[in-house]
Amino acid sequence: MTAFEFSKDIIETCSRYDFIKGIDILLLDEPALKVRAVLNESIFIDVFYNAETCKYSFALIRDNKRIFGADNLRGWHIHPFENPDEHIDSDPVSLENFLNMIRANMEKGIFSVRGD
């Protein structure tokens, strides 16, 4: 998949989640892509993709600090809410999986876009 094709997938996927208020394409220069999905003024999701290396990175950022993430930079792993510096091995994570994990944590009250 090219970076351009993935950018279209990101926009389509994010449009299905009401907690995402906007999308900014920060970089689209084949083979690399960086997109920011905005939740509010201090919370966003950064998505990085490199089509040549097939590397993905999803990071939920609050006040410029990662609070949750998933990537395959050294095998697929998750950076959990409880300790975002930790690496927990996982199966591959799609953007949709990642957004569903965020929504599940919102529903449990672990995470809020109000900045709680």
PDB file of N, CA and C in Angstrom:
ATOM      1  N   MET A   1       0.853  -1.181   0.000  1.00  0.00           N
ATOM      2  CA  MET A   1       0.000   0.000   0.000  1.00  0.00           C
ATOM      3  C   MET A   1       0.893   1.236   0.000  1.00  0.00           C
ATOM      4  N   THR A   2       0.581   2.191  -0.821  1.00  0.00           N
ATOM      5  CA  THR A   2       1.346   3.441  -0.842  1.00  0.00           C
ATOM      6  C   THR A   2       0.926   4.328   0.331  1.00  0.00           C
ATOM      7  N   ALA A   3       1.759   5.320   0.615  1.00  0.00           N
ATOM      8  CA  ALA A   3       1.425   6.277   1.671  1.00  0.00           C
ATOM      9  C   ALA A   3       0.149   7.036   1.312  1.00  0.00           C
ATOM     10  N   PHE A   4      -0.003   7.385   0.048  1.00  0.00           N
ATOM     11  CA  PHE A   4      -1.216   8.093  -0.381  1.00  0.00           C
ATOM     12  C   PHE A   4      -2.459   7.236  -0.162  1.00  0.00           C
ATOM     13  N   GLU A   5      -2.391   5.957  -0.533  1.00  0.00           N
ATOM     14  CA  GLU A   5      -3.539   5.055  -0.323  1.00  0.00           C
ATOM     15  C   GLU A   5      -3.866   4.930   1.163  1.00  0.00           C
ATOM     16  N   PHE A   6      -2.819   4.823   1.999  1.00  0.00           N
ATOM     17  CA  PHE A   6      -3.053   4.707   3.434  1.00  0.00           C
ATOM     18  C   PHE A   6      -3.652   6.002   3.988  1.00  0.00           C
ATOM     19  N   SER A   7      -3.250   7.151   3.446  1.00  0.00           N
ATOM     20  CA  SER A   7      -3.826   8.414   3.924  1.00  0.00           C
ATOM     21  C   SER A   7      -5.329   8.446   3.686  1.00  0.00           C
ATOM     22  N   LYS A   8      -5.769   7.931   2.540  1.00  0.00           N
ATOM     23  CA  LYS A   8      -7.215   7.869   2.274  1.00  0.00           C
ATOM     24  C   LYS A   8      -7.898   6.925   3.259  1.00  0.00           C
ATOM     25  N   ASP A   9      -7.260   5.792   3.577  1.00  0.00           N
ATOM     26  CA  ASP A   9      -7.826   4.855   4.554  1.00  0.00           C
ATOM     27  C   ASP A   9      -7.938   5.491   5.939  1.00  0.00           C
ATOM     28  N   ILE A  10      -6.925   6.262   6.309  1.00  0.00           N
ATOM     29  CA  ILE A  10      -6.942   6.930   7.612  1.00  0.00           C
ATOM     30  C   ILE A  10      -8.130   7.886   7.704  1.00  0.00           C
ATOM     31  N   ILE A  11      -8.305   8.697   6.685  1.00  0.00           N
ATOM     32  CA  ILE A  11      -9.408   9.668   6.686  1.00  0.00           C
ATOM     33  C   ILE A  11     -10.750   8.947   6.770  1.00  0.00           C
ATOM     34  N   GLU A  12     -10.917   7.894   5.989  1.00  0.00           N
ATOM     35  CA  GLU A  12     -12.178   7.141   5.982  1.00  0.00           C
ATOM     36  C   GLU A  12     -12.420   6.487   7.339  1.00  0.00           C
ATOM     37  N   THR A  13     -11.384   5.882   7.908  1.00  0.00           N
ATOM     38  CA  THR A  13     -11.527   5.207   9.204  1.00  0.00           C
ATOM     39  C   THR A  13     -11.834   6.213  10.310  1.00  0.00           C
ATOM     40  N   CYS A  14     -11.078   7.293  10.373  1.00  0.00           N
ATOM     41  CA  CYS A  14     -11.278   8.290  11.432  1.00  0.00           C
ATOM     42  C   CYS A  14     -12.656   8.941  11.354  1.00  0.00           C
ATOM     43  N   SER A  15     -13.209   9.035  10.158  1.00  0.00           N
ATOM     44  CA  SER A  15     -14.519   9.681  10.008  1.00  0.00           C
ATOM     45  C   SER A  15     -15.629   8.900  10.711  1.00  0.00           C
ATOM     46  N   ARG A  16     -15.376   7.652  11.071  1.00  0.00           N
ATOM     47  CA  ARG A  16     -16.388   6.827  11.745  1.00  0.00           C
ATOM     48  C   ARG A  16     -16.348   6.957  13.273  1.00  0.00           C
ATOM     49  N   TYR A  17     -15.445   7.753  13.800  1.00  0.00           N
ATOM     50  CA  TYR A  17     -15.286   7.878  15.252  1.00  0.00           C
ATOM     51  C   TYR A  17     -15.620   9.306  15.673  1.00  0.00           C
ATOM     52  N   ASP A  18     -16.684   9.441  16.470  1.00  0.00           N
ATOM     53  CA  ASP A  18     -17.160  10.780  16.825  1.00  0.00           C
ATOM     54  C   ASP A  18     -16.230  11.535  17.761  1.00  0.00           C
ATOM     55  N   PHE A  19     -15.292  10.848  18.399  1.00  0.00           N
ATOM     56  CA  PHE A  19     -14.371  11.561  19.282  1.00  0.00           C
ATOM     57  C   PHE A  19     -13.232  12.221  18.503  1.00  0.00           C
ATOM     58  N   ILE A  20     -13.113  11.949  17.211  1.00  0.00           N
ATOM     59  CA  ILE A  20     -12.109  12.602  16.379  1.00  0.00           C
ATOM     60  C   ILE A  20     -12.742  13.833  15.733  1.00  0.00           C
ATOM     61  N   LYS A  21     -12.184  14.990  16.012  1.00  0.00           N
ATOM     62  CA  LYS A  21     -12.768  16.262  15.569  1.00  0.00           C
ATOM     63  C   LYS A  21     -12.149  16.796  14.278  1.00  0.00           C
ATOM     64  N   GLY A  22     -10.982  16.301  13.891  1.00  0.00           N
ATOM     65  CA  GLY A  22     -10.344  16.789  12.676  1.00  0.00           C
ATOM     66  C   GLY A  22      -9.140  15.955  12.301  1.00  0.00           C
ATOM     67  N   ILE A  23      -8.709  16.082  11.053  1.00  0.00           N
ATOM     68  CA  ILE A  23      -7.560  15.341  10.525  1.00  0.00           C
ATOM     69  C   ILE A  23      -6.613  16.341   9.860  1.00  0.00           C
ATOM     70  N   ASP A  24      -5.329  16.243  10.181  1.00  0.00           N
ATOM     71  CA  ASP A  24      -4.299  17.061   9.536  1.00  0.00           C
ATOM     72  C   ASP A  24      -3.253  16.140   8.921  1.00  0.00           C
ATOM     73  N   ILE A  25      -2.977  16.317   7.636  1.00  0.00           N
ATOM     74  CA  ILE A  25      -1.890  15.589   6.982  1.00  0.00           C
ATOM     75  C   ILE A  25      -0.632  16.418   7.228  1.00  0.00           C
ATOM     76  N   LEU A  26       0.279  15.883   8.035  1.00  0.00           N
ATOM     77  CA  LEU A  26       1.494  16.612   8.380  1.00  0.00           C
ATOM     78  C   LEU A  26       2.608  16.353   7.371  1.00  0.00           C
ATOM     79  N   LEU A  27       2.612  15.146   6.792  1.00  0.00           N
ATOM     80  CA  LEU A  27       3.635  14.772   5.822  1.00  0.00           C
ATOM     81  C   LEU A  27       3.054  13.713   4.894  1.00  0.00           C
ATOM     82  N   LEU A  28       3.179  13.944   3.607  1.00  0.00           N
ATOM     83  CA  LEU A  28       2.823  12.931   2.607  1.00  0.00           C
ATOM     84  C   LEU A  28       3.853  13.058   1.495  1.00  0.00           C
ATOM     85  N   ASP A  29       4.917  12.309   1.662  1.00  0.00           N
ATOM     86  CA  ASP A  29       6.032  12.335   0.733  1.00  0.00           C
ATOM     87  C   ASP A  29       6.467  10.889   0.546  1.00  0.00           C
ATOM     88  N   GLU A  30       5.879  10.220  -0.464  1.00  0.00           N
ATOM     89  CA  GLU A  30       6.153   8.798  -0.658  1.00  0.00           C
ATOM     90  C   GLU A  30       7.625   8.509  -0.398  1.00  0.00           C
ATOM     91  N   PRO A  31       7.887   7.513   0.435  1.00  0.00           N
ATOM     92  CA  PRO A  31       6.971   6.507   0.951  1.00  0.00           C
ATOM     93  C   PRO A  31       6.426   6.812   2.348  1.00  0.00           C
ATOM     94  N   ALA A  32       6.676   8.008   2.879  1.00  0.00           N
ATOM     95  CA  ALA A  32       6.329   8.292   4.272  1.00  0.00           C
ATOM     96  C   ALA A  32       5.060   9.125   4.391  1.00  0.00           C
ATOM     97  N   LEU A  33       4.364   8.877   5.504  1.00  0.00           N
ATOM     98  CA  LEU A  33       3.116   9.572   5.795  1.00  0.00           C
ATOM     99  C   LEU A  33       3.044   9.828   7.291  1.00  0.00           C
ATOM    100  N   LYS A  34       2.646  11.050   7.660  1.00  0.00           N
ATOM    101  CA  LYS A  34       2.354  11.362   9.056  1.00  0.00           C
ATOM    102  C   LYS A  34       1.060  12.148   9.092  1.00  0.00           C
ATOM    103  N   VAL A  35       0.100  11.632   9.862  1.00  0.00           N
ATOM    104  CA  VAL A  35      -1.224  12.231   9.972  1.00  0.00           C
ATOM    105  C   VAL A  35      -1.522  12.461  11.446  1.00  0.00           C
ATOM    106  N   ARG A  36      -2.206  13.559  11.736  1.00  0.00           N
ATOM    107  CA  ARG A  36      -2.642  13.857  13.098  1.00  0.00           C
ATOM    108  C   ARG A  36      -4.163  13.896  13.122  1.00  0.00           C
ATOM    109  N   ALA A  37      -4.750  13.074  13.983  1.00  0.00           N
ATOM    110  CA  ALA A  37      -6.192  13.076  14.212  1.00  0.00           C
ATOM    111  C   ALA A  37      -6.421  13.838  15.522  1.00  0.00           C
ATOM    112  N   VAL A  38      -7.137  14.923  15.446  1.00  0.00           N
ATOM    113  CA  VAL A  38      -7.320  15.824  16.591  1.00  0.00           C
ATOM    114  C   VAL A  38      -8.567  15.427  17.373  1.00  0.00           C
ATOM    115  N   LEU A  39      -8.404  15.260  18.700  1.00  0.00           N
ATOM    116  CA  LEU A  39      -9.530  14.970  19.581  1.00  0.00           C
ATOM    117  C   LEU A  39      -9.993  16.237  20.285  1.00  0.00           C
ATOM    118  N   ASN A  40      -9.033  17.052  20.720  1.00  0.00           N
ATOM    119  CA  ASN A  40      -9.327  18.378  21.277  1.00  0.00           C
ATOM    120  C   ASN A  40      -8.042  19.195  21.231  1.00  0.00           C
ATOM    121  N   GLU A  41      -8.014  20.353  21.890  1.00  0.00           N
ATOM    122  CA  GLU A  41      -6.858  21.247  21.775  1.00  0.00           C
ATOM    123  C   GLU A  41      -5.571  20.672  22.349  1.00  0.00           C
ATOM    124  N   SER A  42      -5.637  19.689  23.231  1.00  0.00           N
ATOM    125  CA  SER A  42      -4.413  19.145  23.833  1.00  0.00           C
ATOM    126  C   SER A  42      -4.252  17.637  23.644  1.00  0.00           C
ATOM    127  N   ILE A  43      -5.193  17.004  22.941  1.00  0.00           N
ATOM    128  CA  ILE A  43      -5.137  15.551  22.747  1.00  0.00           C
ATOM    129  C   ILE A  43      -5.273  15.239  21.262  1.00  0.00           C
ATOM    130  N   PHE A  44      -4.354  14.402  20.767  1.00  0.00           N
ATOM    131  CA  PHE A  44      -4.407  14.006  19.367  1.00  0.00           C
ATOM    132  C   PHE A  44      -3.772  12.629  19.192  1.00  0.00           C
ATOM    133  N   ILE A  45      -3.986  12.062  18.033  1.00  0.00           N
ATOM    134  CA  ILE A  45      -3.390  10.783  17.664  1.00  0.00           C
ATOM    135  C   ILE A  45      -2.467  11.039  16.488  1.00  0.00           C
ATOM    136  N   ASP A  46      -1.197  10.667  16.631  1.00  0.00           N
ATOM    137  CA  ASP A  46      -0.268  10.739  15.517  1.00  0.00           C
ATOM    138  C   ASP A  46      -0.159   9.357  14.887  1.00  0.00           C
ATOM    139  N   VAL A  47      -0.285   9.321  13.569  1.00  0.00           N
ATOM    140  CA  VAL A  47      -0.163   8.082  12.801  1.00  0.00           C
ATOM    141  C   VAL A  47       1.006   8.256  11.855  1.00  0.00           C
ATOM    142  N   PHE A  48       1.928   7.308  11.888  1.00  0.00           N
ATOM    143  CA  PHE A  48       3.060   7.322  10.974  1.00  0.00           C
ATOM    144  C   PHE A  48       3.049   6.022  10.186  1.00  0.00           C
ATOM    145  N   TYR A  49       3.394   6.101   8.902  1.00  0.00           N
ATOM    146  CA  TYR A  49       3.481   4.917   8.042  1.00  0.00           C
ATOM    147  C   TYR A  49       4.601   5.117   7.041  1.00  0.00           C
ATOM    148  N   ASN A  50       5.391   4.060   6.842  1.00  0.00           N
ATOM    149  CA  ASN A  50       6.415   4.059   5.811  1.00  0.00           C
ATOM    150  C   ASN A  50       6.128   2.893   4.878  1.00  0.00           C
ATOM    151  N   ALA A  51       5.786   3.190   3.635  1.00  0.00           N
ATOM    152  CA  ALA A  51       5.409   2.158   2.666  1.00  0.00           C
ATOM    153  C   ALA A  51       6.580   1.262   2.280  1.00  0.00           C
ATOM    154  N   GLU A  52       7.803   1.769   2.313  1.00  0.00           N
ATOM    155  CA  GLU A  52       8.962   0.943   1.949  1.00  0.00           C
ATOM    156  C   GLU A  52       9.274  -0.095   3.010  1.00  0.00           C
ATOM    157  N   THR A  53       9.179   0.303   4.275  1.00  0.00           N
ATOM    158  CA  THR A  53       9.543  -0.599   5.367  1.00  0.00           C
ATOM    159  C   THR A  53       8.333  -1.298   5.994  1.00  0.00           C
ATOM    160  N   CYS A  54       7.130  -0.862   5.615  1.00  0.00           N
ATOM    161  CA  CYS A  54       5.875  -1.368   6.216  1.00  0.00           C
ATOM    162  C   CYS A  54       5.852  -1.160   7.730  1.00  0.00           C
ATOM    163  N   LYS A  55       6.398  -0.044   8.183  1.00  0.00           N
ATOM    164  CA  LYS A  55       6.384   0.298   9.602  1.00  0.00           C
ATOM    165  C   LYS A  55       5.217   1.225   9.889  1.00  0.00           C
ATOM    166  N   TYR A  56       4.523   0.925  10.966  1.00  0.00           N
ATOM    167  CA  TYR A  56       3.371   1.683  11.415  1.00  0.00           C
ATOM    168  C   TYR A  56       3.623   2.155  12.843  1.00  0.00           C
ATOM    169  N   SER A  57       3.068   3.306  13.181  1.00  0.00           N
ATOM    170  CA  SER A  57       3.131   3.807  14.542  1.00  0.00           C
ATOM    171  C   SER A  57       1.855   4.605  14.812  1.00  0.00           C
ATOM    172  N   PHE A  58       1.190   4.274  15.925  1.00  0.00           N
ATOM    173  CA  PHE A  58      -0.007   4.980  16.369  1.00  0.00           C
ATOM    174  C   PHE A  58       0.264   5.454  17.793  1.00  0.00           C
ATOM    175  N   ALA A  59       0.110   6.754  18.036  1.00  0.00           N
ATOM    176  CA  ALA A  59       0.383   7.289  19.374  1.00  0.00           C
ATOM    177  C   ALA A  59      -0.701   8.269  19.774  1.00  0.00           C
ATOM    178  N   LEU A  60      -1.303   8.020  20.938  1.00  0.00           N
ATOM    179  CA  LEU A  60      -2.254   8.947  21.535  1.00  0.00           C
ATOM    180  C   LEU A  60      -1.446   9.893  22.415  1.00  0.00           C
ATOM    181  N   ILE A  61      -1.533  11.184  22.109  1.00  0.00           N
ATOM    182  CA  ILE A  61      -0.722  12.196  22.775  1.00  0.00           C
ATOM    183  C   ILE A  61      -1.627  13.144  23.558  1.00  0.00           C
ATOM    184  N   ARG A  62      -1.251  13.397  24.811  1.00  0.00           N
ATOM    185  CA  ARG A  62      -1.930  14.412  25.631  1.00  0.00           C
ATOM    186  C   ARG A  62      -0.863  15.353  26.165  1.00  0.00           C
ATOM    187  N   ASP A  63      -1.052  16.639  25.962  1.00  0.00           N
ATOM    188  CA  ASP A  63      -0.094  17.648  26.422  1.00  0.00           C
ATOM    189  C   ASP A  63       1.330  17.300  25.963  1.00  0.00           C
ATOM    190  N   ASN A  64       1.443  16.904  24.690  1.00  0.00           N
ATOM    191  CA  ASN A  64       2.714  16.589  24.033  1.00  0.00           C
ATOM    192  C   ASN A  64       3.463  15.402  24.629  1.00  0.00           C
ATOM    193  N   LYS A  65       2.723  14.478  25.279  1.00  0.00           N
ATOM    194  CA  LYS A  65       3.337  13.277  25.838  1.00  0.00           C
ATOM    195  C   LYS A  65       2.494  12.062  25.456  1.00  0.00           C
ATOM    196  N   ARG A  66       3.160  11.004  24.975  1.00  0.00           N
ATOM    197  CA  ARG A  66       2.427   9.782  24.623  1.00  0.00           C
ATOM    198  C   ARG A  66       1.816   9.165  25.871  1.00  0.00           C
ATOM    199  N   ILE A  67       0.497   8.874  25.793  1.00  0.00           N
ATOM    200  CA  ILE A  67      -0.177   8.213  26.910  1.00  0.00           C
ATOM    201  C   ILE A  67      -0.668   6.816  26.527  1.00  0.00           C
ATOM    202  N   PHE A  68      -0.569   6.470  25.234  1.00  0.00           N
ATOM    203  CA  PHE A  68      -0.970   5.154  24.747  1.00  0.00           C
ATOM    204  C   PHE A  68      -0.427   5.033  23.332  1.00  0.00           C
ATOM    205  N   GLY A  69      -0.017   3.836  22.949  1.00  0.00           N
ATOM    206  CA  GLY A  69       0.495   3.689  21.598  1.00  0.00           C
ATOM    207  C   GLY A  69       0.588   2.249  21.156  1.00  0.00           C
ATOM    208  N   ALA A  70       0.869   2.091  19.869  1.00  0.00           N
ATOM    209  CA  ALA A  70       1.114   0.777  19.272  1.00  0.00           C
ATOM    210  C   ALA A  70       1.981   0.994  18.042  1.00  0.00           C
ATOM    211  N   ASP A  71       2.937   0.094  17.838  1.00  0.00           N
ATOM    212  CA  ASP A  71       3.769   0.190  16.645  1.00  0.00           C
ATOM    213  C   ASP A  71       4.444  -1.147  16.365  1.00  0.00           C
ATOM    214  N   ASN A  72       5.061  -1.214  15.192  1.00  0.00           N
ATOM    215  CA  ASN A  72       5.790  -2.424  14.824  1.00  0.00           C
ATOM    216  C   ASN A  72       7.247  -2.102  14.508  1.00  0.00           C
ATOM    217  N   LEU A  73       7.814  -1.152  15.230  1.00  0.00           N
ATOM    218  CA  LEU A  73       9.197  -0.766  14.971  1.00  0.00           C
ATOM    219  C   LEU A  73      10.176  -1.884  15.324  1.00  0.00           C
ATOM    220  N   ARG A  74       9.885  -2.681  16.302  1.00  0.00           N
ATOM    221  CA  ARG A  74      10.664  -3.883  16.650  1.00  0.00           C
ATOM    222  C   ARG A  74       9.688  -5.002  16.983  1.00  0.00           C
ATOM    223  N   GLY A  75       8.850  -5.341  16.036  1.00  0.00           N
ATOM    224  CA  GLY A  75       7.776  -6.300  16.279  1.00  0.00           C
ATOM    225  C   GLY A  75       6.589  -5.575  16.878  1.00  0.00           C
ATOM    226  N   TRP A  76       5.389  -6.064  16.601  1.00  0.00           N
ATOM    227  CA  TRP A  76       4.185  -5.377  17.091  1.00  0.00           C
ATOM    228  C   TRP A  76       4.140  -5.392  18.606  1.00  0.00           C
ATOM    229  N   HIS A  77       3.872  -4.236  19.172  1.00  0.00           N
ATOM    230  CA  HIS A  77       3.709  -4.109  20.619  1.00  0.00           C
ATOM    231  C   HIS A  77       2.829  -2.896  20.924  1.00  0.00           C
ATOM    232  N   ILE A  78       2.322  -2.904  22.141  1.00  0.00           N
ATOM    233  CA  ILE A  78       1.451  -1.828  22.636  1.00  0.00           C
ATOM    234  C   ILE A  78       2.156  -1.128  23.788  1.00  0.00           C
ATOM    235  N   HIS A  79       1.967   0.177  23.863  1.00  0.00           N
ATOM    236  CA  HIS A  79       2.412   1.000  24.990  1.00  0.00           C
ATOM    237  C   HIS A  79       1.139   1.305  25.790  1.00  0.00           C
ATOM    238  N   PRO A  80       0.890   0.576  26.883  1.00  0.00           N
ATOM    239  CA  PRO A  80      -0.413   0.681  27.570  1.00  0.00           C
ATOM    240  C   PRO A  80      -0.621   2.003  28.312  1.00  0.00           C
ATOM    241  N   PHE A  81      -1.898   2.326  28.541  1.00  0.00           N
ATOM    242  CA  PHE A  81      -2.256   3.526  29.302  1.00  0.00           C
ATOM    243  C   PHE A  81      -1.573   3.534  30.667  1.00  0.00           C
ATOM    244  N   GLU A  82      -1.508   2.380  31.299  1.00  0.00           N
ATOM    245  CA  GLU A  82      -0.970   2.290  32.654  1.00  0.00           C
ATOM    246  C   GLU A  82       0.511   2.655  32.715  1.00  0.00           C
ATOM    247  N   ASN A  83       1.258   2.359  31.638  1.00  0.00           N
ATOM    248  CA  ASN A  83       2.684   2.655  31.584  1.00  0.00           C
ATOM    249  C   ASN A  83       3.086   2.783  30.115  1.00  0.00           C
ATOM    250  N   PRO A  84       2.929   3.956  29.519  1.00  0.00           N
ATOM    251  CA  PRO A  84       3.168   4.122  28.084  1.00  0.00           C
ATOM    252  C   PRO A  84       4.608   3.884  27.636  1.00  0.00           C
ATOM    253  N   ASP A  85       5.551   3.786  28.570  1.00  0.00           N
ATOM    254  CA  ASP A  85       6.932   3.478  28.199  1.00  0.00           C
ATOM    255  C   ASP A  85       7.166   1.976  28.079  1.00  0.00           C
ATOM    256  N   GLU A  86       6.215   1.186  28.561  1.00  0.00           N
ATOM    257  CA  GLU A  86       6.322  -0.273  28.506  1.00  0.00           C
ATOM    258  C   GLU A  86       6.010  -0.771  27.097  1.00  0.00           C
ATOM    259  N   HIS A  87       6.551  -1.952  26.764  1.00  0.00           N
ATOM    260  CA  HIS A  87       6.273  -2.617  25.489  1.00  0.00           C
ATOM    261  C   HIS A  87       5.624  -3.965  25.798  1.00  0.00           C
ATOM    262  N   ILE A  88       4.382  -4.138  25.361  1.00  0.00           N
ATOM    263  CA  ILE A  88       3.684  -5.419  25.531  1.00  0.00           C
ATOM    264  C   ILE A  88       3.478  -6.003  24.139  1.00  0.00           C
ATOM    265  N   ASP A  89       4.088  -7.160  23.889  1.00  0.00           N
ATOM    266  CA  ASP A  89       3.946  -7.804  22.587  1.00  0.00           C
ATOM    267  C   ASP A  89       2.482  -7.981  22.236  1.00  0.00           C
ATOM    268  N   SER A  90       2.179  -7.816  20.942  1.00  0.00           N
ATOM    269  CA  SER A  90       0.787  -7.949  20.505  1.00  0.00           C
ATOM    270  C   SER A  90       0.743  -8.488  19.084  1.00  0.00           C
ATOM    271  N   ASP A  91      -0.442  -8.873  18.700  1.00  0.00           N
ATOM    272  CA  ASP A  91      -0.704  -9.177  17.303  1.00  0.00           C
ATOM    273  C   ASP A  91      -0.662  -7.859  16.542  1.00  0.00           C
ATOM    274  N   PRO A  92      -0.602  -7.904  15.204  1.00  0.00           N
ATOM    275  CA  PRO A  92      -0.644  -6.655  14.436  1.00  0.00           C
ATOM    276  C   PRO A  92      -1.856  -5.802  14.816  1.00  0.00           C
ATOM    277  N   VAL A  93      -1.648  -4.487  14.826  1.00  0.00           N
ATOM    278  CA  VAL A  93      -2.680  -3.530  15.214  1.00  0.00           C
ATOM    279  C   VAL A  93      -2.969  -2.630  14.011  1.00  0.00           C
ATOM    280  N   SER A  94      -4.217  -2.604  13.609  1.00  0.00           N
ATOM    281  CA  SER A  94      -4.633  -1.675  12.553  1.00  0.00           C
ATOM    282  C   SER A  94      -5.058  -0.367  13.207  1.00  0.00           C
ATOM    283  N   LEU A  95      -5.226   0.667  12.395  1.00  0.00           N
ATOM    284  CA  LEU A  95      -5.729   1.929  12.938  1.00  0.00           C
ATOM    285  C   LEU A  95      -7.094   1.716  13.575  1.00  0.00           C
ATOM    286  N   GLU A  96      -7.942   0.938  12.930  1.00  0.00           N
ATOM    287  CA  GLU A  96      -9.269   0.679  13.497  1.00  0.00           C
ATOM    288  C   GLU A  96      -9.163  -0.027  14.850  1.00  0.00           C
ATOM    289  N   ASN A  97      -8.266  -1.019  14.968  1.00  0.00           N
ATOM    290  CA  ASN A  97      -8.045  -1.674  16.265  1.00  0.00           C
ATOM    291  C   ASN A  97      -7.638  -0.646  17.316  1.00  0.00           C
ATOM    292  N   PHE A  98      -6.701   0.231  16.932  1.00  0.00           N
ATOM    293  CA  PHE A  98      -6.176   1.231  17.853  1.00  0.00           C
ATOM    294  C   PHE A  98      -7.283   2.178  18.321  1.00  0.00           C
ATOM    295  N   LEU A  99      -8.085   2.657  17.389  1.00  0.00           N
ATOM    296  CA  LEU A  99      -9.193   3.556  17.747  1.00  0.00           C
ATOM    297  C   LEU A  99     -10.222   2.846  18.615  1.00  0.00           C
ATOM    298  N   ASN A 100     -10.471   1.577  18.348  1.00  0.00           N
ATOM    299  CA  ASN A 100     -11.399   0.815  19.190  1.00  0.00           C
ATOM    300  C   ASN A 100     -10.851   0.640  20.604  1.00  0.00           C
ATOM    301  N   MET A 101      -9.526   0.471  20.731  1.00  0.00           N
ATOM    302  CA  MET A 101      -8.924   0.374  22.070  1.00  0.00           C
ATOM    303  C   MET A 101      -9.096   1.695  22.820  1.00  0.00           C
ATOM    304  N   ILE A 102      -8.909   2.803  22.119  1.00  0.00           N
ATOM    305  CA  ILE A 102      -9.109   4.114  22.755  1.00  0.00           C
ATOM    306  C   ILE A 102     -10.563   4.253  23.197  1.00  0.00           C
ATOM    307  N   ARG A 103     -11.507   3.923  22.303  1.00  0.00           N
ATOM    308  CA  ARG A 103     -12.920   4.042  22.659  1.00  0.00           C
ATOM    309  C   ARG A 103     -13.265   3.157  23.850  1.00  0.00           C
ATOM    310  N   ALA A 104     -12.748   1.923  23.893  1.00  0.00           N
ATOM    311  CA  ALA A 104     -13.022   1.018  25.015  1.00  0.00           C
ATOM    312  C   ALA A 104     -12.502   1.609  26.319  1.00  0.00           C
ATOM    313  N   ASN A 105     -11.332   2.222  26.283  1.00  0.00           N
ATOM    314  CA  ASN A 105     -10.789   2.842  27.493  1.00  0.00           C
ATOM    315  C   ASN A 105     -11.569   4.083  27.890  1.00  0.00           C
ATOM    316  N   MET A 106     -12.129   4.788  26.921  1.00  0.00           N
ATOM    317  CA  MET A 106     -13.002   5.923  27.233  1.00  0.00           C
ATOM    318  C   MET A 106     -14.267   5.422  27.929  1.00  0.00           C
ATOM    319  N   GLU A 107     -14.835   4.344  27.408  1.00  0.00           N
ATOM    320  CA  GLU A 107     -16.060   3.787  27.988  1.00  0.00           C
ATOM    321  C   GLU A 107     -15.830   3.268  29.398  1.00  0.00           C
ATOM    322  N   LYS A 108     -14.620   2.774  29.693  1.00  0.00           N
ATOM    323  CA  LYS A 108     -14.278   2.298  31.034  1.00  0.00           C
ATOM    324  C   LYS A 108     -13.935   3.448  31.982  1.00  0.00           C
ATOM    325  N   GLY A 109     -13.804   4.660  31.432  1.00  0.00           N
ATOM    326  CA  GLY A 109     -13.447   5.803  32.249  1.00  0.00           C
ATOM    327  C   GLY A 109     -11.955   5.954  32.469  1.00  0.00           C
ATOM    328  N   ILE A 110     -11.136   5.170  31.778  1.00  0.00           N
ATOM    329  CA  ILE A 110      -9.688   5.245  31.935  1.00  0.00           C
ATOM    330  C   ILE A 110      -9.123   6.457  31.212  1.00  0.00           C
ATOM    331  N   PHE A 111      -9.801   6.871  30.149  1.00  0.00           N
ATOM    332  CA  PHE A 111      -9.338   7.980  29.335  1.00  0.00           C
ATOM    333  C   PHE A 111     -10.519   8.853  28.970  1.00  0.00           C
ATOM    334  N   SER A 112     -10.289  10.171  28.935  1.00  0.00           N
ATOM    335  CA  SER A 112     -11.339  11.110  28.569  1.00  0.00           C
ATOM    336  C   SER A 112     -10.767  12.195  27.683  1.00  0.00           C
ATOM    337  N   VAL A 113     -11.520  12.624  26.693  1.00  0.00           N
ATOM    338  CA  VAL A 113     -11.068  13.730  25.853  1.00  0.00           C
ATOM    339  C   VAL A 113     -11.258  15.069  26.549  1.00  0.00           C
ATOM    340  N   ARG A 114     -11.918  15.065  27.691  1.00  0.00           N
ATOM    341  CA  ARG A 114     -12.046  16.294  28.473  1.00  0.00           C
ATOM    342  C   ARG A 114     -10.732  16.621  29.187  1.00  0.00           C
ATOM    343  N   GLY A 115      -9.745  15.689  29.100  1.00  0.00           N
ATOM    344  CA  GLY A 115      -8.451  15.944  29.715  1.00  0.00           C
ATOM    345  C   GLY A 115      -8.374  15.496  31.161  1.00  0.00           C
ATOM    346  N   ASP A 116      -9.351  14.713  31.610  1.00  0.00           N
ATOM    347  CA  ASP A 116      -9.367  14.230  33.006  1.00  0.00           C
ATOM    348  C   ASP A 116      -8.156  13.340  33.281  1.00  0.00           C
TER     349      ASP A 116
END
